[in-house]
Amino acid sequence: MTLADGSAGGDRFRARVRVGAVELVGAESYVHGTLTIGEPLVFRVAGRSRTAIDEELEVAAEPESLHWFDAAGRRL
Protein backbone atom coordinates (compact mmCIF):
# COMPACT_ATOMS: atom_id res chain seq x y z
CA MET A 1 0.00 0.00 0.00
CA THR A 2 1.27 3.44 -0.87
CA LEU A 3 0.09 6.98 -0.46
CA ALA A 4 -1.98 7.77 -3.53
CA ASP A 5 -0.53 10.38 -5.86
CA GLY A 6 -3.72 11.36 -7.68
CA SER A 7 -2.87 9.56 -10.92
CA ALA A 8 -5.32 7.15 -12.51
CA GLY A 9 -4.90 3.69 -11.09
CA GLY A 10 -6.93 1.35 -13.29
CA ASP A 11 -7.94 -1.57 -11.05
CA ARG A 12 -6.01 -0.32 -8.03
CA PHE A 13 -7.70 -0.25 -4.64
CA ARG A 14 -7.96 3.37 -3.49
CA ALA A 15 -9.38 4.69 -0.24
CA ARG A 16 -9.32 7.59 2.19
CA VAL A 17 -8.29 6.65 5.71
CA ARG A 18 -8.11 8.57 9.01
CA VAL A 19 -5.06 7.53 11.04
CA GLY A 20 -5.72 6.23 14.54
CA ALA A 21 -2.31 4.83 15.49
CA VAL A 22 1.16 4.27 14.09
CA GLU A 23 3.07 1.21 15.27
CA LEU A 24 6.85 1.32 14.73
CA VAL A 25 8.18 -2.21 14.18
CA GLY A 26 11.88 -2.30 13.36
CA ALA A 27 12.50 -1.13 9.79
CA GLU A 28 8.81 -0.56 9.02
CA SER A 29 5.65 0.96 10.47
CA TYR A 30 2.08 -0.29 10.64
CA VAL A 31 -0.52 2.42 10.25
CA HIS A 32 -3.91 1.67 11.82
CA GLY A 33 -6.79 3.71 10.51
CA THR A 34 -10.47 3.88 9.67
CA LEU A 35 -11.99 4.10 6.21
CA THR A 36 -14.65 6.73 5.52
CA ILE A 37 -17.29 3.95 5.76
CA GLY A 38 -16.15 3.17 9.32
CA GLU A 39 -14.24 -0.06 8.58
CA PRO A 40 -10.72 -0.55 9.97
CA LEU A 41 -7.67 -0.65 7.71
CA VAL A 42 -4.09 -1.53 8.66
CA PHE A 43 -1.26 -1.03 6.21
CA ARG A 44 2.51 -1.29 6.31
CA VAL A 45 4.92 1.42 5.22
CA ALA A 46 8.70 1.25 4.96
CA GLY A 47 10.77 3.01 7.60
CA ARG A 48 9.59 5.21 10.43
CA SER A 49 6.32 6.78 9.38
CA ARG A 50 5.87 10.50 10.02
CA THR A 51 2.12 10.08 9.71
CA ALA A 52 0.22 11.93 12.44
CA ILE A 53 -2.73 10.68 14.48
CA ASP A 54 -6.03 11.99 13.00
CA GLU A 55 -4.32 12.74 9.68
CA GLU A 56 -6.46 11.85 6.66
CA LEU A 57 -4.64 10.10 3.82
CA GLU A 58 -5.51 8.62 0.46
CA VAL A 59 -3.90 5.23 -0.03
CA ALA A 60 -3.68 2.89 -3.02
CA ALA A 61 -2.63 -0.71 -3.67
CA GLU A 62 -2.65 -3.28 -6.42
CA PRO A 63 -5.43 -5.86 -5.82
CA GLU A 64 -2.95 -8.75 -5.58
CA SER A 65 -1.18 -6.95 -2.70
CA LEU A 66 -4.27 -6.88 -0.45
CA HIS A 67 -5.00 -9.38 2.33
CA TRP A 68 -8.58 -9.72 3.55
CA PHE A 69 -9.71 -10.93 7.00
CA ASP A 70 -13.11 -11.78 8.48
CA ALA A 71 -14.50 -10.32 11.72
CA ALA A 72 -12.74 -13.04 13.74
CA GLY A 73 -9.36 -12.15 12.22
CA ARG A 74 -9.13 -15.20 9.95
CA ARG A 75 -7.65 -14.59 6.53
CA LEU A 76 -10.18 -14.98 3.73
PDB file of N, CA and C in Angstrom:
ATOM      1  N   MET A   1       0.853  -1.149   0.000  1.00  0.00           N
ATOM      2  CA  MET A   1       0.000   0.000   0.000  1.00  0.00           C
ATOM      3  C   MET A   1       0.900   1.212   0.000  1.00  0.00           C
ATOM      4  N   THR A   2       0.509   2.208  -0.781  1.00  0.00           N
ATOM      5  CA  THR A   2       1.269   3.441  -0.873  1.00  0.00           C
ATOM      6  C   THR A   2       0.337   4.620  -0.692  1.00  0.00           C
ATOM      7  N   LEU A   3       0.902   5.768  -0.446  1.00  0.00           N
ATOM      8  CA  LEU A   3       0.094   6.976  -0.459  1.00  0.00           C
ATOM      9  C   LEU A   3      -0.263   7.248  -1.907  1.00  0.00           C
ATOM     10  N   ALA A   4      -1.526   7.541  -2.162  1.00  0.00           N
ATOM     11  CA  ALA A   4      -1.978   7.774  -3.531  1.00  0.00           C
ATOM     12  C   ALA A   4      -1.440   9.111  -4.023  1.00  0.00           C
ATOM     13  N   ASP A   5      -1.102   9.159  -5.301  1.00  0.00           N
ATOM     14  CA  ASP A   5      -0.529  10.384  -5.862  1.00  0.00           C
ATOM     15  C   ASP A   5      -1.488  11.129  -6.771  1.00  0.00           C
ATOM     16  N   GLY A   6      -2.728  10.684  -6.858  1.00  0.00           N
ATOM     17  CA  GLY A   6      -3.716  11.365  -7.679  1.00  0.00           C
ATOM     18  C   GLY A   6      -3.775  10.884  -9.117  1.00  0.00           C
ATOM     19  N   SER A   7      -2.833  10.057  -9.546  1.00  0.00           N
ATOM     20  CA  SER A   7      -2.866   9.560 -10.922  1.00  0.00           C
ATOM     21  C   SER A   7      -3.885   8.433 -11.048  1.00  0.00           C
ATOM     22  N   ALA A   8      -4.359   8.221 -12.265  1.00  0.00           N
ATOM     23  CA  ALA A   8      -5.322   7.152 -12.511  1.00  0.00           C
ATOM     24  C   ALA A   8      -4.684   5.817 -12.164  1.00  0.00           C
ATOM     25  N   GLY A   9      -5.480   4.930 -11.549  1.00  0.00           N
ATOM     26  CA  GLY A   9      -4.899   3.689 -11.088  1.00  0.00           C
ATOM     27  C   GLY A   9      -5.488   2.444 -11.690  1.00  0.00           C
ATOM     28  N   GLY A  10      -6.340   2.548 -12.695  1.00  0.00           N
ATOM     29  CA  GLY A  10      -6.930   1.352 -13.285  1.00  0.00           C
ATOM     30  C   GLY A  10      -7.697   0.556 -12.259  1.00  0.00           C
ATOM     31  N   ASP A  11      -7.260  -0.687 -12.001  1.00  0.00           N
ATOM     32  CA  ASP A  11      -7.939  -1.571 -11.052  1.00  0.00           C
ATOM     33  C   ASP A  11      -7.421  -1.437  -9.623  1.00  0.00           C
ATOM     34  N   ARG A  12      -6.583  -0.475  -9.364  1.00  0.00           N
ATOM     35  CA  ARG A  12      -6.008  -0.319  -8.026  1.00  0.00           C
ATOM     36  C   ARG A  12      -7.079  -0.031  -6.996  1.00  0.00           C
ATOM     37  N   PHE A  13      -6.883  -0.595  -5.803  1.00  0.00           N
ATOM     38  CA  PHE A  13      -7.704  -0.251  -4.643  1.00  0.00           C
ATOM     39  C   PHE A  13      -7.279   1.144  -4.200  1.00  0.00           C
ATOM     40  N   ARG A  14      -8.238   2.027  -3.987  1.00  0.00           N
ATOM     41  CA  ARG A  14      -7.959   3.374  -3.490  1.00  0.00           C
ATOM     42  C   ARG A  14      -8.958   3.681  -2.387  1.00  0.00           C
ATOM     43  N   ALA A  15      -8.484   4.354  -1.340  1.00  0.00           N
ATOM     44  CA  ALA A  15      -9.378   4.688  -0.235  1.00  0.00           C
ATOM     45  C   ALA A  15      -8.815   5.845   0.569  1.00  0.00           C
ATOM     46  N   ARG A  16      -9.720   6.562   1.228  1.00  0.00           N
ATOM     47  CA  ARG A  16      -9.322   7.590   2.192  1.00  0.00           C
ATOM     48  C   ARG A  16      -9.369   6.952   3.572  1.00  0.00           C
ATOM     49  N   VAL A  17      -8.392   7.250   4.384  1.00  0.00           N
ATOM     50  CA  VAL A  17      -8.295   6.655   5.714  1.00  0.00           C
ATOM     51  C   VAL A  17      -7.879   7.723   6.724  1.00  0.00           C
ATOM     52  N   ARG A  18      -8.499   7.683   7.906  1.00  0.00           N
ATOM     53  CA  ARG A  18      -8.112   8.565   9.014  1.00  0.00           C
ATOM     54  C   ARG A  18      -7.242   7.751   9.951  1.00  0.00           C
ATOM     55  N   VAL A  19      -6.045   8.241  10.231  1.00  0.00           N
ATOM     56  CA  VAL A  19      -5.055   7.529  11.036  1.00  0.00           C
ATOM     57  C   VAL A  19      -5.442   7.553  12.511  1.00  0.00           C
ATOM     58  N   GLY A  20      -5.428   6.352  13.122  1.00  0.00           N
ATOM     59  CA  GLY A  20      -5.721   6.229  14.539  1.00  0.00           C
ATOM     60  C   GLY A  20      -4.503   5.891  15.370  1.00  0.00           C
ATOM     61  N   ALA A  21      -3.522   5.212  14.771  1.00  0.00           N
ATOM     62  CA  ALA A  21      -2.306   4.832  15.491  1.00  0.00           C
ATOM     63  C   ALA A  21      -1.221   4.486  14.482  1.00  0.00           C
ATOM     64  N   VAL A  22       0.015   4.660  14.902  1.00  0.00           N
ATOM     65  CA  VAL A  22       1.163   4.266  14.089  1.00  0.00           C
ATOM     66  C   VAL A  22       2.050   3.400  14.969  1.00  0.00           C
ATOM     67  N   GLU A  23       2.294   2.183  14.513  1.00  0.00           N
ATOM     68  CA  GLU A  23       3.074   1.206  15.269  1.00  0.00           C
ATOM     69  C   GLU A  23       4.433   1.038  14.588  1.00  0.00           C
ATOM     70  N   LEU A  24       5.503   1.452  15.273  1.00  0.00           N
ATOM     71  CA  LEU A  24       6.852   1.322  14.730  1.00  0.00           C
ATOM     72  C   LEU A  24       7.368  -0.067  15.062  1.00  0.00           C
ATOM     73  N   VAL A  25       7.727  -0.832  14.008  1.00  0.00           N
ATOM     74  CA  VAL A  25       8.184  -2.213  14.181  1.00  0.00           C
ATOM     75  C   VAL A  25       9.478  -2.378  13.385  1.00  0.00           C
ATOM     76  N   GLY A  26      10.597  -2.155  14.040  1.00  0.00           N
ATOM     77  CA  GLY A  26      11.884  -2.301  13.363  1.00  0.00           C
ATOM     78  C   GLY A  26      12.014  -1.363  12.184  1.00  0.00           C
ATOM     79  N   ALA A  27      12.246  -1.921  10.998  1.00  0.00           N
ATOM     80  CA  ALA A  27      12.495  -1.132   9.791  1.00  0.00           C
ATOM     81  C   ALA A  27      11.220  -0.736   9.059  1.00  0.00           C
ATOM     82  N   GLU A  28      10.064  -0.924   9.659  1.00  0.00           N
ATOM     83  CA  GLU A  28       8.806  -0.558   9.021  1.00  0.00           C
ATOM     84  C   GLU A  28       7.813  -0.073  10.065  1.00  0.00           C
ATOM     85  N   SER A  29       6.717   0.482   9.590  1.00  0.00           N
ATOM     86  CA  SER A  29       5.652   0.963  10.470  1.00  0.00           C
ATOM     87  C   SER A  29       4.322   0.393  10.007  1.00  0.00           C
ATOM     88  N   TYR A  30       3.447   0.116  10.954  1.00  0.00           N
ATOM     89  CA  TYR A  30       2.077  -0.293  10.641  1.00  0.00           C
ATOM     90  C   TYR A  30       1.168   0.872  11.004  1.00  0.00           C
ATOM     91  N   VAL A  31       0.398   1.315  10.034  1.00  0.00           N
ATOM     92  CA  VAL A  31      -0.524   2.425  10.248  1.00  0.00           C
ATOM     93  C   VAL A  31      -1.921   1.835  10.406  1.00  0.00           C
ATOM     94  N   HIS A  32      -2.560   2.143  11.523  1.00  0.00           N
ATOM     95  CA  HIS A  32      -3.910   1.675  11.824  1.00  0.00           C
ATOM     96  C   HIS A  32      -4.851   2.852  11.604  1.00  0.00           C
ATOM     97  N   GLY A  33      -5.880   2.625  10.803  1.00  0.00           N
ATOM     98  CA  GLY A  33      -6.794   3.709  10.511  1.00  0.00           C
ATOM     99  C   GLY A  33      -8.204   3.224  10.288  1.00  0.00           C
ATOM    100  N   THR A  34      -9.064   4.168   9.932  1.00  0.00           N
ATOM    101  CA  THR A  34     -10.470   3.883   9.674  1.00  0.00           C
ATOM    102  C   THR A  34     -10.852   4.467   8.324  1.00  0.00           C
ATOM    103  N   LEU A  35     -11.489   3.643   7.499  1.00  0.00           N
ATOM    104  CA  LEU A  35     -11.992   4.100   6.206  1.00  0.00           C
ATOM    105  C   LEU A  35     -13.165   5.048   6.421  1.00  0.00           C
ATOM    106  N   THR A  36     -13.530   5.806   5.407  1.00  0.00           N
ATOM    107  CA  THR A  36     -14.654   6.734   5.521  1.00  0.00           C
ATOM    108  C   THR A  36     -15.975   6.023   5.800  1.00  0.00           C
ATOM    109  N   ILE A  37     -16.067   4.725   5.482  1.00  0.00           N
ATOM    110  CA  ILE A  37     -17.291   3.954   5.759  1.00  0.00           C
ATOM    111  C   ILE A  37     -17.263   3.337   7.157  1.00  0.00           C
ATOM    112  N   GLY A  38     -16.211   3.645   7.947  1.00  0.00           N
ATOM    113  CA  GLY A  38     -16.147   3.171   9.319  1.00  0.00           C
ATOM    114  C   GLY A  38     -15.413   1.859   9.535  1.00  0.00           C
ATOM    115  N   GLU A  39     -14.949   1.221   8.466  1.00  0.00           N
ATOM    116  CA  GLU A  39     -14.244  -0.055   8.584  1.00  0.00           C
ATOM    117  C   GLU A  39     -12.762   0.172   8.879  1.00  0.00           C
ATOM    118  N   PRO A  40     -12.143  -0.715   9.665  1.00  0.00           N
ATOM    119  CA  PRO A  40     -10.716  -0.551   9.970  1.00  0.00           C
ATOM    120  C   PRO A  40      -9.840  -0.937   8.786  1.00  0.00           C
ATOM    121  N   LEU A  41      -8.665  -0.321   8.722  1.00  0.00           N
ATOM    122  CA  LEU A  41      -7.671  -0.645   7.710  1.00  0.00           C
ATOM    123  C   LEU A  41      -6.304  -0.539   8.365  1.00  0.00           C
ATOM    124  N   VAL A  42      -5.477  -1.553   8.175  1.00  0.00           N
ATOM    125  CA  VAL A  42      -4.092  -1.532   8.658  1.00  0.00           C
ATOM    126  C   VAL A  42      -3.201  -1.724   7.449  1.00  0.00           C
ATOM    127  N   PHE A  43      -2.195  -0.871   7.323  1.00  0.00           N
ATOM    128  CA  PHE A  43      -1.262  -1.029   6.215  1.00  0.00           C
ATOM    129  C   PHE A  43       0.163  -0.762   6.677  1.00  0.00           C
ATOM    130  N   ARG A  44       1.090  -1.356   5.958  1.00  0.00           N
ATOM    131  CA  ARG A  44       2.508  -1.286   6.305  1.00  0.00           C
ATOM    132  C   ARG A  44       3.206  -0.284   5.402  1.00  0.00           C
ATOM    133  N   VAL A  45       4.086   0.506   5.993  1.00  0.00           N
ATOM    134  CA  VAL A  45       4.919   1.416   5.223  1.00  0.00           C
ATOM    135  C   VAL A  45       6.372   1.203   5.621  1.00  0.00           C
ATOM    136  N   ALA A  46       7.278   1.428   4.685  1.00  0.00           N
ATOM    137  CA  ALA A  46       8.701   1.249   4.962  1.00  0.00           C
ATOM    138  C   ALA A  46       9.203   2.360   5.883  1.00  0.00           C
ATOM    139  N   GLY A  47      10.118   2.021   6.747  1.00  0.00           N
ATOM    140  CA  GLY A  47      10.769   3.005   7.603  1.00  0.00           C
ATOM    141  C   GLY A  47       9.889   3.509   8.730  1.00  0.00           C
ATOM    142  N   ARG A  48      10.326   4.589   9.332  1.00  0.00           N
ATOM    143  CA  ARG A  48       9.593   5.210  10.433  1.00  0.00           C
ATOM    144  C   ARG A  48       8.613   6.214   9.837  1.00  0.00           C
ATOM    145  N   SER A  49       7.341   5.924   9.952  1.00  0.00           N
ATOM    146  CA  SER A  49       6.316   6.782   9.375  1.00  0.00           C
ATOM    147  C   SER A  49       6.213   8.099  10.142  1.00  0.00           C
ATOM    148  N   ARG A  50       6.080   9.176   9.417  1.00  0.00           N
ATOM    149  CA  ARG A  50       5.869  10.496  10.019  1.00  0.00           C
ATOM    150  C   ARG A  50       4.387  10.863   9.999  1.00  0.00           C
ATOM    151  N   THR A  51       3.557   9.878   9.761  1.00  0.00           N
ATOM    152  CA  THR A  51       2.116  10.081   9.714  1.00  0.00           C
ATOM    153  C   THR A  51       1.607  10.454  11.101  1.00  0.00           C
ATOM    154  N   ALA A  52       0.737  11.438  11.164  1.00  0.00           N
ATOM    155  CA  ALA A  52       0.217  11.929  12.440  1.00  0.00           C
ATOM    156  C   ALA A  52      -1.146  11.322  12.753  1.00  0.00           C
ATOM    157  N   ILE A  53      -1.420  11.140  14.033  1.00  0.00           N
ATOM    158  CA  ILE A  53      -2.731  10.676  14.480  1.00  0.00           C
ATOM    159  C   ILE A  53      -3.779  11.696  14.021  1.00  0.00           C
ATOM    160  N   ASP A  54      -4.916  11.205  13.544  1.00  0.00           N
ATOM    161  CA  ASP A  54      -6.027  11.992  13.005  1.00  0.00           C
ATOM    162  C   ASP A  54      -5.755  12.575  11.619  1.00  0.00           C
ATOM    163  N   GLU A  55      -4.587  12.302  11.040  1.00  0.00           N
ATOM    164  CA  GLU A  55      -4.317  12.738   9.675  1.00  0.00           C
ATOM    165  C   GLU A  55      -5.184  11.921   8.727  1.00  0.00           C
ATOM    166  N   GLU A  56      -5.680  12.559   7.671  1.00  0.00           N
ATOM    167  CA  GLU A  56      -6.461  11.851   6.665  1.00  0.00           C
ATOM    168  C   GLU A  56      -5.600  11.684   5.424  1.00  0.00           C
ATOM    169  N   LEU A  57      -5.489  10.434   4.956  1.00  0.00           N
ATOM    170  CA  LEU A  57      -4.642  10.096   3.818  1.00  0.00           C
ATOM    171  C   LEU A  57      -5.446   9.394   2.745  1.00  0.00           C
ATOM    172  N   GLU A  58      -4.972   9.471   1.513  1.00  0.00           N
ATOM    173  CA  GLU A  58      -5.507   8.618   0.456  1.00  0.00           C
ATOM    174  C   GLU A  58      -4.437   7.580   0.156  1.00  0.00           C
ATOM    175  N   VAL A  59      -4.831   6.321   0.210  1.00  0.00           N
ATOM    176  CA  VAL A  59      -3.902   5.225  -0.027  1.00  0.00           C
ATOM    177  C   VAL A  59      -4.336   4.441  -1.263  1.00  0.00           C
ATOM    178  N   ALA A  60      -3.386   3.691  -1.826  1.00  0.00           N
ATOM    179  CA  ALA A  60      -3.675   2.893  -3.020  1.00  0.00           C
ATOM    180  C   ALA A  60      -2.842   1.623  -2.985  1.00  0.00           C
ATOM    181  N   ALA A  61      -3.359   0.562  -3.603  1.00  0.00           N
ATOM    182  CA  ALA A  61      -2.633  -0.706  -3.674  1.00  0.00           C
ATOM    183  C   ALA A  61      -3.138  -1.517  -4.855  1.00  0.00           C
ATOM    184  N   GLU A  62      -2.250  -2.335  -5.388  1.00  0.00           N
ATOM    185  CA  GLU A  62      -2.647  -3.280  -6.422  1.00  0.00           C
ATOM    186  C   GLU A  62      -3.502  -4.366  -5.760  1.00  0.00           C
ATOM    187  N   PRO A  63      -4.547  -4.855  -6.424  1.00  0.00           N
ATOM    188  CA  PRO A  63      -5.434  -5.860  -5.820  1.00  0.00           C
ATOM    189  C   PRO A  63      -4.699  -7.094  -5.307  1.00  0.00           C
ATOM    190  N   GLU A  64      -3.658  -7.539  -6.011  1.00  0.00           N
ATOM    191  CA  GLU A  64      -2.947  -8.747  -5.577  1.00  0.00           C
ATOM    192  C   GLU A  64      -2.102  -8.512  -4.325  1.00  0.00           C
ATOM    193  N   SER A  65      -1.948  -7.267  -3.906  1.00  0.00           N
ATOM    194  CA  SER A  65      -1.182  -6.950  -2.698  1.00  0.00           C
ATOM    195  C   SER A  65      -2.044  -6.890  -1.442  1.00  0.00           C
ATOM    196  N   LEU A  66      -3.355  -7.005  -1.593  1.00  0.00           N
ATOM    197  CA  LEU A  66      -4.269  -6.885  -0.447  1.00  0.00           C
ATOM    198  C   LEU A  66      -4.479  -8.231   0.230  1.00  0.00           C
ATOM    199  N   HIS A  67      -4.679  -8.197   1.537  1.00  0.00           N
ATOM    200  CA  HIS A  67      -4.996  -9.385   2.330  1.00  0.00           C
ATOM    201  C   HIS A  67      -6.282  -9.079   3.084  1.00  0.00           C
ATOM    202  N   TRP A  68      -7.270  -9.944   2.954  1.00  0.00           N
ATOM    203  CA  TRP A  68      -8.585  -9.717   3.555  1.00  0.00           C
ATOM    204  C   TRP A  68      -8.790 -10.647   4.736  1.00  0.00           C
ATOM    205  N   PHE A  69      -9.456 -10.165   5.787  1.00  0.00           N
ATOM    206  CA  PHE A  69      -9.713 -10.934   6.997  1.00  0.00           C
ATOM    207  C   PHE A  69     -11.176 -10.796   7.374  1.00  0.00           C
ATOM    208  N   ASP A  70     -11.723 -11.860   7.995  1.00  0.00           N
ATOM    209  CA  ASP A  70     -13.107 -11.784   8.477  1.00  0.00           C
ATOM    210  C   ASP A  70     -13.140 -11.122   9.854  1.00  0.00           C
ATOM    211  N   ALA A  71     -14.334 -10.991  10.432  1.00  0.00           N
ATOM    212  CA  ALA A  71     -14.504 -10.318  11.720  1.00  0.00           C
ATOM    213  C   ALA A  71     -13.755 -11.011  12.853  1.00  0.00           C
ATOM    214  N   ALA A  72     -13.473 -12.294  12.717  1.00  0.00           N
ATOM    215  CA  ALA A  72     -12.741 -13.035  13.744  1.00  0.00           C
ATOM    216  C   ALA A  72     -11.235 -12.973  13.533  1.00  0.00           C
ATOM    217  N   GLY A  73     -10.785 -12.273  12.477  1.00  0.00           N
ATOM    218  CA  GLY A  73      -9.364 -12.154  12.219  1.00  0.00           C
ATOM    219  C   GLY A  73      -8.769 -13.262  11.363  1.00  0.00           C
ATOM    220  N   ARG A  74      -9.616 -14.127  10.822  1.00  0.00           N
ATOM    221  CA  ARG A  74      -9.132 -15.203   9.948  1.00  0.00           C
ATOM    222  C   ARG A  74      -8.985 -14.676   8.526  1.00  0.00           C
ATOM    223  N   ARG A  75      -7.874 -15.039   7.900  1.00  0.00           N
ATOM    224  CA  ARG A  75      -7.652 -14.588   6.526  1.00  0.00           C
ATOM    225  C   ARG A  75      -8.647 -15.259   5.592  1.00  0.00           C
ATOM    226  N   LEU A  76      -9.209 -14.466   4.706  1.00  0.00           N
ATOM    227  CA  LEU A  76     -10.175 -14.983   3.729  1.00  0.00           C
ATOM    228  C   LEU A  76      -9.461 -15.466   2.481  1.00  0.00           C
TER     229      LEU A  76
END
